[in-house]
PDB file of N, CA and C in Angstrom:
ATOM      1  N   UNK A   1    -107.625  89.837-189.350  1.00  0.00           N
ATOM      2  CA  UNK A   1    -106.736  89.118-188.465  1.00  0.00           C
ATOM      3  C   UNK A   1    -107.536  88.529-187.313  1.00  0.00           C
ATOM      4  N   UNK A   2    -107.373  87.241-187.072  1.00  0.00           N
ATOM      5  CA  UNK A   2    -108.061  86.615-185.950  1.00  0.00           C
ATOM      6  C   UNK A   2    -107.141  86.580-184.739  1.00  0.00           C
ATOM      7  N   UNK A   3    -107.730  86.497-183.572  1.00  0.00           N
ATOM      8  CA  UNK A   3    -106.958  86.450-182.339  1.00  0.00           C
ATOM      9  C   UNK A   3    -107.291  85.181-181.583  1.00  0.00           C
ATOM     10  N   UNK A   4    -106.310  84.660-180.885  1.00  0.00           N
ATOM     11  CA  UNK A   4    -106.466  83.483-180.040  1.00  0.00           C
ATOM     12  C   UNK A   4    -106.070  83.911-178.641  1.00  0.00           C
ATOM     13  N   UNK A   5    -106.997  83.902-177.717  1.00  0.00           N
ATOM     14  CA  UNK A   5    -106.746  84.413-176.377  1.00  0.00           C
ATOM     15  C   UNK A   5    -106.504  83.247-175.426  1.00  0.00           C
ATOM     16  N   UNK A   6    -105.404  83.334-174.693  1.00  0.00           N
ATOM     17  CA  UNK A   6    -105.023  82.295-173.745  1.00  0.00           C
ATOM     18  C   UNK A   6    -104.950  82.917-172.362  1.00  0.00           C
ATOM     19  N   UNK A   7    -105.636  82.308-171.404  1.00  0.00           N
ATOM     20  CA  UNK A   7    -105.522  82.763-170.025  1.00  0.00           C
ATOM     21  C   UNK A   7    -104.163  82.326-169.489  1.00  0.00           C
ATOM     22  N   UNK A   8    -103.439  83.237-168.886  1.00  0.00           N
ATOM     23  CA  UNK A   8    -102.130  82.904-168.328  1.00  0.00           C
ATOM     24  C   UNK A   8    -102.241  82.249-166.959  1.00  0.00           C
ATOM     25  N   UNK A   9    -103.440  82.236-166.396  1.00  0.00           N
ATOM     26  CA  UNK A   9    -103.667  81.538-165.136  1.00  0.00           C
ATOM     27  C   UNK A   9    -104.103  80.119-165.459  1.00  0.00           C
ATOM     28  N   UNK A  10    -103.303  79.157-165.020  1.00  0.00           N
ATOM     29  CA  UNK A  10    -103.594  77.757-165.294  1.00  0.00           C
ATOM     30  C   UNK A  10    -104.458  77.190-164.176  1.00  0.00           C
ATOM     31  N   UNK A  11    -105.664  76.778-164.499  1.00  0.00           N
ATOM     32  CA  UNK A  11    -106.562  76.150-163.536  1.00  0.00           C
ATOM     33  C   UNK A  11    -106.623  74.662-163.860  1.00  0.00           C
ATOM     34  N   UNK A  12    -105.937  73.811-163.083  1.00  0.00           N
ATOM     35  CA  UNK A  12    -105.894  72.383-163.396  1.00  0.00           C
ATOM     36  C   UNK A  12    -107.262  71.698-163.334  1.00  0.00           C
ATOM     37  N   UNK A  13    -108.233  72.337-162.688  1.00  0.00           N
ATOM     38  CA  UNK A  13    -109.572  71.755-162.599  1.00  0.00           C
ATOM     39  C   UNK A  13    -110.459  72.122-163.783  1.00  0.00           C
ATOM     40  N   UNK A  14    -109.997  73.044-164.618  1.00  0.00           N
ATOM     41  CA  UNK A  14    -110.782  73.479-165.770  1.00  0.00           C
ATOM     42  C   UNK A  14    -110.236  72.814-167.029  1.00  0.00           C
ATOM     43  N   UNK A  15    -111.108  72.127-167.756  1.00  0.00           N
ATOM     44  CA  UNK A  15    -110.686  71.476-168.988  1.00  0.00           C
ATOM     45  C   UNK A  15    -110.582  72.517-170.103  1.00  0.00           C
ATOM     46  N   UNK A  16    -109.431  72.533-170.768  1.00  0.00           N
ATOM     47  CA  UNK A  16    -109.206  73.457-171.874  1.00  0.00           C
ATOM     48  C   UNK A  16    -109.906  72.938-173.126  1.00  0.00           C
ATOM     49  N   UNK A  17    -110.199  73.822-174.066  1.00  0.00           N
ATOM     50  CA  UNK A  17    -110.891  73.438-175.304  1.00  0.00           C
ATOM     51  C   UNK A  17    -110.125  72.358-176.056  1.00  0.00           C
ATOM     52  N   UNK A  18    -108.789  72.447-176.089  1.00  0.00           N
ATOM     53  CA  UNK A  18    -107.998  71.475-176.842  1.00  0.00           C
ATOM     54  C   UNK A  18    -107.956  70.100-176.175  1.00  0.00           C
ATOM     55  N   UNK A  19    -108.421  69.994-174.926  1.00  0.00           N
ATOM     56  CA  UNK A  19    -108.420  68.718-174.207  1.00  0.00           C
ATOM     57  C   UNK A  19    -109.727  67.945-174.369  1.00  0.00           C
ATOM     58  N   UNK A  20    -110.761  68.586-174.863  1.00  0.00           N
ATOM     59  CA  UNK A  20    -112.109  68.011-174.874  1.00  0.00           C
ATOM     60  C   UNK A  20    -112.217  66.683-175.622  1.00  0.00           C
ATOM     61  N   UNK A  21    -111.563  66.562-176.776  1.00  0.00           N
ATOM     62  CA  UNK A  21    -111.711  65.352-177.590  1.00  0.00           C
ATOM     63  C   UNK A  21    -110.647  64.299-177.296  1.00  0.00           C
ATOM     64  N   UNK A  22    -109.648  64.649-176.489  1.00  0.00           N
ATOM     65  CA  UNK A  22    -108.624  63.676-176.125  1.00  0.00           C
ATOM     66  C   UNK A  22    -107.635  63.352-177.229  1.00  0.00           C
ATOM     67  N   UNK A  23    -107.620  64.150-178.291  1.00  0.00           N
ATOM     68  CA  UNK A  23    -106.692  63.869-179.393  1.00  0.00           C
ATOM     69  C   UNK A  23    -105.533  64.863-179.432  1.00  0.00           C
ATOM     70  N   UNK A  24    -105.212  65.436-178.284  1.00  0.00           N
ATOM     71  CA  UNK A  24    -104.045  66.330-178.191  1.00  0.00           C
ATOM     72  C   UNK A  24    -102.797  65.464-177.967  1.00  0.00           C
ATOM     73  N   UNK A  25    -102.477  64.687-178.992  1.00  0.00           N
ATOM     74  CA  UNK A  25    -101.437  63.658-178.965  1.00  0.00           C
ATOM     75  C   UNK A  25    -100.181  64.168-179.665  1.00  0.00           C
ATOM     76  N   UNK A  26     -99.026  63.876-179.092  1.00  0.00           N
ATOM     77  CA  UNK A  26     -97.735  64.154-179.732  1.00  0.00           C
ATOM     78  C   UNK A  26     -96.994  62.833-179.884  1.00  0.00           C
ATOM     79  N   UNK A  27     -96.360  62.639-181.014  1.00  0.00           N
ATOM     80  CA  UNK A  27     -95.563  61.444-181.286  1.00  0.00           C
ATOM     81  C   UNK A  27     -94.111  61.874-181.439  1.00  0.00           C
ATOM     82  N   UNK A  28     -93.212  61.268-180.667  1.00  0.00           N
ATOM     83  CA  UNK A  28     -91.788  61.595-180.729  1.00  0.00           C
ATOM     84  C   UNK A  28     -91.033  60.377-181.237  1.00  0.00           C
ATOM     85  N   UNK A  29     -90.325  60.548-182.335  1.00  0.00           N
ATOM     86  CA  UNK A  29     -89.420  59.525-182.866  1.00  0.00           C
ATOM     87  C   UNK A  29     -88.010  60.077-182.798  1.00  0.00           C
ATOM     88  N   UNK A  30     -87.053  59.217-182.479  1.00  0.00           N
ATOM     89  CA  UNK A  30     -85.645  59.607-182.486  1.00  0.00           C
ATOM     90  C   UNK A  30     -84.932  58.717-183.486  1.00  0.00           C
ATOM     91  N   UNK A  31     -84.207  59.357-184.400  1.00  0.00           N
ATOM     92  CA  UNK A  31     -83.481  58.627-185.447  1.00  0.00           C
ATOM     93  C   UNK A  31     -81.987  58.865-185.283  1.00  0.00           C
ATOM     94  N   UNK A  32     -81.193  57.824-185.557  1.00  0.00           N
ATOM     95  CA  UNK A  32     -79.747  58.039-185.585  1.00  0.00           C
ATOM     96  C   UNK A  32     -79.362  58.603-186.949  1.00  0.00           C
ATOM     97  N   UNK A  33     -78.082  58.858-187.153  1.00  0.00           N
ATOM     98  CA  UNK A  33     -77.633  59.484-188.403  1.00  0.00           C
ATOM     99  C   UNK A  33     -77.835  58.608-189.626  1.00  0.00           C
ATOM    100  N   UNK A  34     -78.088  57.322-189.417  1.00  0.00           N
ATOM    101  CA  UNK A  34     -78.351  56.419-190.541  1.00  0.00           C
ATOM    102  C   UNK A  34     -79.836  56.291-190.834  1.00  0.00           C
ATOM    103  N   UNK A  35     -80.661  56.974-190.049  1.00  0.00           N
ATOM    104  CA  UNK A  35     -82.101  56.914-190.257  1.00  0.00           C
ATOM    105  C   UNK A  35     -82.788  55.795-189.503  1.00  0.00           C
ATOM    106  N   UNK A  36     -82.061  55.113-188.624  1.00  0.00           N
ATOM    107  CA  UNK A  36     -82.649  54.037-187.828  1.00  0.00           C
ATOM    108  C   UNK A  36     -83.423  54.625-186.655  1.00  0.00           C
ATOM    109  N   UNK A  37     -84.591  54.073-186.396  1.00  0.00           N
ATOM    110  CA  UNK A  37     -85.422  54.523-185.284  1.00  0.00           C
ATOM    111  C   UNK A  37     -84.837  53.970-183.985  1.00  0.00           C
ATOM    112  N   UNK A  38     -84.395  54.853-183.106  1.00  0.00           N
ATOM    113  CA  UNK A  38     -83.834  54.443-181.818  1.00  0.00           C
ATOM    114  C   UNK A  38     -84.688  54.969-180.663  1.00  0.00           C
ATOM    115  N   UNK A  39     -85.950  55.210-180.935  1.00  0.00           N
ATOM    116  CA  UNK A  39     -86.861  55.811-179.968  1.00  0.00           C
ATOM    117  C   UNK A  39     -86.910  55.039-178.654  1.00  0.00           C
ATOM    118  N   UNK A  40     -86.927  53.716-178.715  1.00  0.00           N
ATOM    119  CA  UNK A  40     -87.085  52.910-177.508  1.00  0.00           C
ATOM    120  C   UNK A  40     -85.836  52.887-176.632  1.00  0.00           C
ATOM    121  N   UNK A  41     -84.696  53.303-177.162  1.00  0.00           N
ATOM    122  CA  UNK A  41     -83.433  53.215-176.426  1.00  0.00           C
ATOM    123  C   UNK A  41     -82.844  54.573-176.085  1.00  0.00           C
ATOM    124  N   UNK A  42     -83.671  55.582-175.928  1.00  0.00           N
ATOM    125  CA  UNK A  42     -83.125  56.910-175.646  1.00  0.00           C
ATOM    126  C   UNK A  42     -84.139  57.761-174.904  1.00  0.00           C
ATOM    127  N   UNK A  43     -83.691  58.939-174.541  1.00  0.00           N
ATOM    128  CA  UNK A  43     -84.558  59.967-173.976  1.00  0.00           C
ATOM    129  C   UNK A  43     -84.345  61.229-174.790  1.00  0.00           C
ATOM    130  N   UNK A  44     -85.313  62.119-174.769  1.00  0.00           N
ATOM    131  CA  UNK A  44     -85.211  63.385-175.491  1.00  0.00           C
ATOM    132  C   UNK A  44     -85.305  64.508-174.466  1.00  0.00           C
ATOM    133  N   UNK A  45     -84.388  65.444-174.541  1.00  0.00           N
ATOM    134  CA  UNK A  45     -84.428  66.617-173.675  1.00  0.00           C
ATOM    135  C   UNK A  45     -84.441  67.851-174.555  1.00  0.00           C
ATOM    136  N   UNK A  46     -85.418  68.705-174.346  1.00  0.00           N
ATOM    137  CA  UNK A  46     -85.512  69.971-175.070  1.00  0.00           C
ATOM    138  C   UNK A  46     -85.506  71.083-174.028  1.00  0.00           C
ATOM    139  N   UNK A  47     -84.555  71.994-174.124  1.00  0.00           N
ATOM    140  CA  UNK A  47     -84.438  73.107-173.191  1.00  0.00           C
ATOM    141  C   UNK A  47     -84.618  74.398-173.977  1.00  0.00           C
ATOM    142  N   UNK A  48     -85.576  75.220-173.545  1.00  0.00           N
ATOM    143  CA  UNK A  48     -85.877  76.462-174.254  1.00  0.00           C
ATOM    144  C   UNK A  48     -85.762  77.649-173.313  1.00  0.00           C
ATOM    145  N   UNK A  49     -85.251  78.751-173.831  1.00  0.00           N
ATOM    146  CA  UNK A  49     -85.255  80.003-173.073  1.00  0.00           C
ATOM    147  C   UNK A  49     -86.701  80.500-172.990  1.00  0.00           C
ATOM    148  N   UNK A  50     -86.929  81.480-172.134  1.00  0.00           N
ATOM    149  CA  UNK A  50     -88.280  82.036-172.017  1.00  0.00           C
ATOM    150  C   UNK A  50     -88.770  82.565-173.363  1.00  0.00           C
ATOM    151  N   UNK A  51     -87.908  83.307-174.076  1.00  0.00           N
ATOM    152  CA  UNK A  51     -88.326  83.841-175.372  1.00  0.00           C
ATOM    153  C   UNK A  51     -88.485  82.747-176.421  1.00  0.00           C
ATOM    154  N   UNK A  52     -87.716  81.671-176.301  1.00  0.00           N
ATOM    155  CA  UNK A  52     -87.912  80.547-177.218  1.00  0.00           C
ATOM    156  C   UNK A  52     -89.259  79.873-176.951  1.00  0.00           C
ATOM    157  N   UNK A  53     -89.639  79.746-175.680  1.00  0.00           N
ATOM    158  CA  UNK A  53     -90.964  79.204-175.352  1.00  0.00           C
ATOM    159  C   UNK A  53     -92.059  80.071-175.965  1.00  0.00           C
ATOM    160  N   UNK A  54     -91.915  81.383-175.814  1.00  0.00           N
ATOM    161  CA  UNK A  54     -92.906  82.306-176.375  1.00  0.00           C
ATOM    162  C   UNK A  54     -92.907  82.257-177.896  1.00  0.00           C
ATOM    163  N   UNK A  55     -91.732  82.247-178.507  1.00  0.00           N
ATOM    164  CA  UNK A  55     -91.639  82.226-179.966  1.00  0.00           C
ATOM    165  C   UNK A  55     -92.201  80.952-180.562  1.00  0.00           C
ATOM    166  N   UNK A  56     -91.774  79.805-180.038  1.00  0.00           N
ATOM    167  CA  UNK A  56     -92.265  78.530-180.553  1.00  0.00           C
ATOM    168  C   UNK A  56     -93.756  78.382-180.288  1.00  0.00           C
ATOM    169  N   UNK A  57     -94.181  78.742-179.079  1.00  0.00           N
ATOM    170  CA  UNK A  57     -95.605  78.651-178.753  1.00  0.00           C
ATOM    171  C   UNK A  57     -96.465  79.492-179.683  1.00  0.00           C
ATOM    172  N   UNK A  58     -96.022  80.709-179.949  1.00  0.00           N
ATOM    173  CA  UNK A  58     -96.746  81.600-180.858  1.00  0.00           C
ATOM    174  C   UNK A  58     -96.845  80.998-182.250  1.00  0.00           C
ATOM    175  N   UNK A  59     -95.714  80.507-182.765  1.00  0.00           N
ATOM    176  CA  UNK A  59     -95.713  79.927-184.111  1.00  0.00           C
ATOM    177  C   UNK A  59     -96.548  78.652-184.180  1.00  0.00           C
ATOM    178  N   UNK A  60     -96.548  77.848-183.126  1.00  0.00           N
ATOM    179  CA  UNK A  60     -97.368  76.633-183.120  1.00  0.00           C
ATOM    180  C   UNK A  60     -98.856  76.966-183.101  1.00  0.00           C
ATOM    181  N   UNK A  61     -99.235  77.993-182.355  1.00  0.00           N
ATOM    182  CA  UNK A  61    -100.642  78.418-182.344  1.00  0.00           C
ATOM    183  C   UNK A  61    -101.045  78.924-183.724  1.00  0.00           C
ATOM    184  N   UNK A  62    -100.189  79.714-184.353  1.00  0.00           N
ATOM    185  CA  UNK A  62    -100.488  80.192-185.711  1.00  0.00           C
ATOM    186  C   UNK A  62    -100.629  79.018-186.678  1.00  0.00           C
ATOM    187  N   UNK A  63     -99.720  78.067-186.579  1.00  0.00           N
ATOM    188  CA  UNK A  63     -99.764  76.899-187.454  1.00  0.00           C
ATOM    189  C   UNK A  63    -101.056  76.114-187.246  1.00  0.00           C
ATOM    190  N   UNK A  64    -101.444  75.912-186.000  1.00  0.00           N
ATOM    191  CA  UNK A  64    -102.653  75.141-185.702  1.00  0.00           C
ATOM    192  C   UNK A  64    -103.912  75.808-186.243  1.00  0.00           C
ATOM    193  N   UNK A  65    -103.931  77.130-186.266  1.00  0.00           N
ATOM    194  CA  UNK A  65    -105.151  77.835-186.660  1.00  0.00           C
ATOM    195  C   UNK A  65    -105.188  78.291-188.106  1.00  0.00           C
ATOM    196  N   UNK A  66    -104.039  78.506-188.719  1.00  0.00           N
ATOM    197  CA  UNK A  66    -104.044  79.081-190.061  1.00  0.00           C
ATOM    198  C   UNK A  66    -103.508  78.156-191.145  1.00  0.00           C
ATOM    199  N   UNK A  67    -102.510  77.353-190.825  1.00  0.00           N
ATOM    200  CA  UNK A  67    -101.788  76.634-191.871  1.00  0.00           C
ATOM    201  C   UNK A  67    -101.705  75.132-191.637  1.00  0.00           C
ATOM    202  N   UNK A  68    -102.487  74.585-190.698  1.00  0.00           N
ATOM    203  CA  UNK A  68    -102.377  73.166-190.359  1.00  0.00           C
ATOM    204  C   UNK A  68    -102.755  72.286-191.542  1.00  0.00           C
ATOM    205  N   UNK A  69    -101.914  71.310-191.807  1.00  0.00           N
ATOM    206  CA  UNK A  69    -102.207  70.294-192.815  1.00  0.00           C
ATOM    207  C   UNK A  69    -101.489  69.020-192.387  1.00  0.00           C
ATOM    208  N   UNK A  70    -102.223  67.912-192.291  1.00  0.00           N
ATOM    209  CA  UNK A  70    -101.625  66.637-191.904  1.00  0.00           C
ATOM    210  C   UNK A  70    -100.436  66.333-192.813  1.00  0.00           C
ATOM    211  N   UNK A  71     -99.290  66.040-192.222  1.00  0.00           N
ATOM    212  CA  UNK A  71     -98.092  65.732-192.987  1.00  0.00           C
ATOM    213  C   UNK A  71     -97.160  66.914-193.210  1.00  0.00           C
ATOM    214  N   UNK A  72     -97.641  68.118-192.995  1.00  0.00           N
ATOM    215  CA  UNK A  72     -96.771  69.290-193.164  1.00  0.00           C
ATOM    216  C   UNK A  72     -95.679  69.237-192.102  1.00  0.00           C
ATOM    217  N   UNK A  73     -94.472  69.610-192.473  1.00  0.00           N
ATOM    218  CA  UNK A  73     -93.378  69.560-191.512  1.00  0.00           C
ATOM    219  C   UNK A  73     -92.342  70.646-191.785  1.00  0.00           C
ATOM    220  N   UNK A  74     -91.558  70.911-190.764  1.00  0.00           N
ATOM    221  CA  UNK A  74     -90.541  71.952-190.804  1.00  0.00           C
ATOM    222  C   UNK A  74     -89.231  71.375-190.289  1.00  0.00           C
ATOM    223  N   UNK A  75     -88.148  71.616-191.015  1.00  0.00           N
ATOM    224  CA  UNK A  75     -86.809  71.209-190.581  1.00  0.00           C
ATOM    225  C   UNK A  75     -86.129  72.415-189.949  1.00  0.00           C
ATOM    226  N   UNK A  76     -85.641  72.245-188.739  1.00  0.00           N
ATOM    227  CA  UNK A  76     -84.908  73.303-188.047  1.00  0.00           C
ATOM    228  C   UNK A  76     -83.474  72.829-187.861  1.00  0.00           C
ATOM    229  N   UNK A  77     -82.532  73.625-188.342  1.00  0.00           N
ATOM    230  CA  UNK A  77     -81.113  73.304-188.230  1.00  0.00           C
ATOM    231  C   UNK A  77     -80.465  74.184-187.173  1.00  0.00           C
ATOM    232  N   UNK A  78     -79.448  73.657-186.481  1.00  0.00           N
ATOM    233  CA  UNK A  78     -78.742  74.481-185.501  1.00  0.00           C
ATOM    234  C   UNK A  78     -78.026  75.651-186.172  1.00  0.00           C
ATOM    235  N   UNK A  79     -77.877  76.727-185.421  1.00  0.00           N
ATOM    236  CA  UNK A  79     -77.166  77.883-185.962  1.00  0.00           C
ATOM    237  C   UNK A  79     -75.669  77.582-186.051  1.00  0.00           C
ATOM    238  N   UNK A  80     -75.021  78.213-187.020  1.00  0.00           N
ATOM    239  CA  UNK A  80     -73.568  78.141-187.200  1.00  0.00           C
ATOM    240  C   UNK A  80     -73.074  79.564-187.421  1.00  0.00           C
ATOM    241  N   UNK A  81     -71.767  79.774-187.341  1.00  0.00           N
ATOM    242  CA  UNK A  81     -71.221  81.125-187.540  1.00  0.00           C
ATOM    243  C   UNK A  81     -71.638  81.696-188.885  1.00  0.00           C
ATOM    244  N   UNK A  82     -71.637  80.869-189.919  1.00  0.00           N
ATOM    245  CA  UNK A  82     -71.962  81.339-191.268  1.00  0.00           C
ATOM    246  C   UNK A  82     -73.443  81.152-191.617  1.00  0.00           C
ATOM    247  N   UNK A  83     -74.200  80.524-190.732  1.00  0.00           N
ATOM    248  CA  UNK A  83     -75.568  80.139-191.076  1.00  0.00           C
ATOM    249  C   UNK A  83     -76.449  80.301-189.843  1.00  0.00           C
ATOM    250  N   UNK A  84     -77.060  81.462-189.702  1.00  0.00           N
ATOM    251  CA  UNK A  84     -77.959  81.720-188.582  1.00  0.00           C
ATOM    252  C   UNK A  84     -79.363  81.852-189.140  1.00  0.00           C
ATOM    253  N   UNK A  85     -80.221  80.937-188.746  1.00  0.00           N
ATOM    254  CA  UNK A  85     -81.589  80.976-189.248  1.00  0.00           C
ATOM    255  C   UNK A  85     -82.560  80.761-188.091  1.00  0.00           C
ATOM    256  N   UNK A  86     -83.623  81.534-188.120  1.00  0.00           N
ATOM    257  CA  UNK A  86     -84.707  81.371-187.160  1.00  0.00           C
ATOM    258  C   UNK A  86     -85.866  80.730-187.896  1.00  0.00           C
ATOM    259  N   UNK A  87     -86.430  79.696-187.303  1.00  0.00           N
ATOM    260  CA  UNK A  87     -87.587  79.030-187.891  1.00  0.00           C
ATOM    261  C   UNK A  87     -88.537  78.641-186.773  1.00  0.00           C
ATOM    262  N   UNK A  88     -89.806  78.764-187.012  1.00  0.00           N
ATOM    263  CA  UNK A  88     -90.828  78.448-186.016  1.00  0.00           C
ATOM    264  C   UNK A  88     -90.603  79.221-184.711  1.00  0.00           C
ATOM    265  N   UNK A  89     -90.098  80.443-184.816  1.00  0.00           N
ATOM    266  CA  UNK A  89     -89.956  81.313-183.660  1.00  0.00           C
ATOM    267  C   UNK A  89     -88.739  81.063-182.792  1.00  0.00           C
ATOM    268  N   UNK A  90     -87.859  80.141-183.208  1.00  0.00           N
ATOM    269  CA  UNK A  90     -86.679  79.831-182.398  1.00  0.00           C
ATOM    270  C   UNK A  90     -85.438  79.681-183.269  1.00  0.00           C
ATOM    271  N   UNK A  91     -84.288  79.744-182.618  1.00  0.00           N
ATOM    272  CA  UNK A  91     -83.011  79.389-183.238  1.00  0.00           C
ATOM    273  C   UNK A  91     -82.445  78.241-182.417  1.00  0.00           C
ATOM    274  N   UNK A  92     -82.036  77.168-183.084  1.00  0.00           N
ATOM    275  CA  UNK A  92     -81.476  76.028-182.368  1.00  0.00           C
ATOM    276  C   UNK A  92     -80.030  76.304-181.972  1.00  0.00           C
ATOM    277  N   UNK A  93     -79.695  75.997-180.751  1.00  0.00           N
ATOM    278  CA  UNK A  93     -78.333  76.123-180.215  1.00  0.00           C
ATOM    279  C   UNK A  93     -77.371  75.322-181.095  1.00  0.00           C
ATOM    280  N   UNK A  94     -76.125  75.783-181.252  1.00  0.00           N
ATOM    281  CA  UNK A  94     -75.166  75.074-182.107  1.00  0.00           C
ATOM    282  C   UNK A  94     -74.920  73.618-181.705  1.00  0.00           C
ATOM    283  N   UNK A  95     -75.134  73.265-180.437  1.00  0.00           N
ATOM    284  CA  UNK A  95     -74.930  71.887-179.988  1.00  0.00           C
ATOM    285  C   UNK A  95     -76.165  71.016-180.186  1.00  0.00           C
ATOM    286  N   UNK A  96     -77.200  71.555-180.798  1.00  0.00           N
ATOM    287  CA  UNK A  96     -78.434  70.803-181.048  1.00  0.00           C
ATOM    288  C   UNK A  96     -78.296  69.945-182.294  1.00  0.00           C
ATOM    289  N   UNK A  97     -79.160  68.961-182.385  1.00  0.00           N
ATOM    290  CA  UNK A  97     -79.287  68.202-183.627  1.00  0.00           C
ATOM    291  C   UNK A  97     -80.432  68.817-184.436  1.00  0.00           C
ATOM    292  N   UNK A  98     -80.574  68.388-185.668  1.00  0.00           N
ATOM    293  CA  UNK A  98     -81.701  68.839-186.484  1.00  0.00           C
ATOM    294  C   UNK A  98     -82.997  68.463-185.769  1.00  0.00           C
ATOM    295  N   UNK A  99     -83.967  69.341-185.829  1.00  0.00           N
ATOM    296  CA  UNK A  99     -85.284  69.088-185.254  1.00  0.00           C
ATOM    297  C   UNK A  99     -86.305  69.175-186.373  1.00  0.00           C
ATOM    298  N   UNK A 100     -87.153  68.177-186.477  1.00  0.00           N
ATOM    299  CA  UNK A 100     -88.225  68.190-187.469  1.00  0.00           C
ATOM    300  C   UNK A 100     -89.539  68.252-186.709  1.00  0.00           C
ATOM    301  N   UNK A 101     -90.296  69.317-186.926  1.00  0.00           N
ATOM    302  CA  UNK A 101     -91.621  69.471-186.330  1.00  0.00           C
ATOM    303  C   UNK A 101     -92.649  69.175-187.403  1.00  0.00           C
ATOM    304  N   UNK A 102     -93.598  68.303-187.095  1.00  0.00           N
ATOM    305  CA  UNK A 102     -94.590  67.936-188.091  1.00  0.00           C
ATOM    306  C   UNK A 102     -96.003  67.993-187.557  1.00  0.00           C
ATOM    307  N   UNK A 103     -96.938  68.112-188.473  1.00  0.00           N
ATOM    308  CA  UNK A 103     -98.362  68.079-188.167  1.00  0.00           C
ATOM    309  C   UNK A 103     -98.872  66.664-188.439  1.00  0.00           C
ATOM    310  N   UNK A 104     -99.631  66.110-187.522  1.00  0.00           N
ATOM    311  CA  UNK A 104    -100.175  64.772-187.730  1.00  0.00           C
ATOM    312  C   UNK A 104    -101.515  64.609-187.044  1.00  0.00           C
ATOM    313  N   UNK A 105    -102.436  63.964-187.717  1.00  0.00           N
ATOM    314  CA  UNK A 105    -103.749  63.690-187.142  1.00  0.00           C
ATOM    315  C   UNK A 105    -103.695  62.362-186.389  1.00  0.00           C
ATOM    316  N   UNK A 106    -104.183  62.344-185.161  1.00  0.00           N
ATOM    317  CA  UNK A 106    -104.186  61.148-184.335  1.00  0.00           C
ATOM    318  C   UNK A 106    -105.581  60.889-183.794  1.00  0.00           C
ATOM    319  N   UNK A 107    -105.802  59.648-183.372  1.00  0.00           N
ATOM    320  CA  UNK A 107    -107.043  59.288-182.702  1.00  0.00           C
ATOM    321  C   UNK A 107    -107.023  59.835-181.275  1.00  0.00           C
ATOM    322  N   UNK A 108    -108.140  59.669-180.591  1.00  0.00           N
ATOM    323  CA  UNK A 108    -108.217  60.017-179.181  1.00  0.00           C
ATOM    324  C   UNK A 108    -107.310  59.078-178.388  1.00  0.00           C
ATOM    325  N   UNK A 109    -106.833  59.543-177.248  1.00  0.00           N
ATOM    326  CA  UNK A 109    -105.961  58.712-176.417  1.00  0.00           C
ATOM    327  C   UNK A 109    -106.619  57.391-176.041  1.00  0.00           C
ATOM    328  N   UNK A 110    -107.956  57.345-176.032  1.00  0.00           N
ATOM    329  CA  UNK A 110    -108.644  56.108-175.653  1.00  0.00           C
ATOM    330  C   UNK A 110    -108.349  54.977-176.630  1.00  0.00           C
ATOM    331  N   UNK A 111    -108.066  55.310-177.886  1.00  0.00           N
ATOM    332  CA  UNK A 111    -107.725  54.289-178.881  1.00  0.00           C
ATOM    333  C   UNK A 111    -106.369  53.656-178.592  1.00  0.00           C
ATOM    334  N   UNK A 112    -105.476  54.393-177.970  1.00  0.00           N
ATOM    335  CA  UNK A 112    -104.125  53.902-177.694  1.00  0.00           C
ATOM    336  C   UNK A 112    -104.020  53.220-176.334  1.00  0.00           C
ATOM    337  N   UNK A 113    -105.052  53.344-175.506  1.00  0.00           N
ATOM    338  CA  UNK A 113    -105.005  52.783-174.156  1.00  0.00           C
ATOM    339  C   UNK A 113    -106.045  51.695-173.932  1.00  0.00           C
ATOM    340  N   UNK A 114    -106.687  51.240-175.008  1.00  0.00           N
ATOM    341  CA  UNK A 114    -107.701  50.185-174.889  1.00  0.00           C
ATOM    342  C   UNK A 114    -107.068  48.878-174.429  1.00  0.00           C
ATOM    343  N   UNK A 115    -107.815  48.124-173.674  1.00  0.00           N
ATOM    344  CA  UNK A 115    -107.401  46.769-173.305  1.00  0.00           C
ATOM    345  C   UNK A 115    -107.538  45.880-174.526  1.00  0.00           C
ATOM    346  N   UNK A 116    -106.523  45.060-174.771  1.00  0.00           N
ATOM    347  CA  UNK A 116    -106.591  44.091-175.873  1.00  0.00           C
ATOM    348  C   UNK A 116    -107.552  42.978-175.487  1.00  0.00           C
ATOM    349  N   UNK A 117    -108.381  42.568-176.429  1.00  0.00           N
ATOM    350  CA  UNK A 117    -109.354  41.499-176.158  1.00  0.00           C
ATOM    351  C   UNK A 117    -108.845  40.194-176.708  1.00  0.00           C
TER     352      UNK A 117
END
């Protein structure tokens, strides 16, 4: 069993290992029920309890170190009276929409912020 040690003291002046290459990129798409991309016309709010932060964070670290594969994804459905499921260390509130978490390889942020010539 391998261990991943995280300092709980955040030093904003110290660069973390995951920040070194600048490819710690997340892409958020929002789709309506018809599958149309409405990303540009909305905002996304995710609210997690303390234990949900710990659960999701733990599962994401495990995924990054043991099971990462570009394109791999997980569908998380909200809990219902007859259907309670925990996935990726969390249970989605009944008022939530489906959440899809995926793994994706991206370039460094410098590729996305270059001046057009």
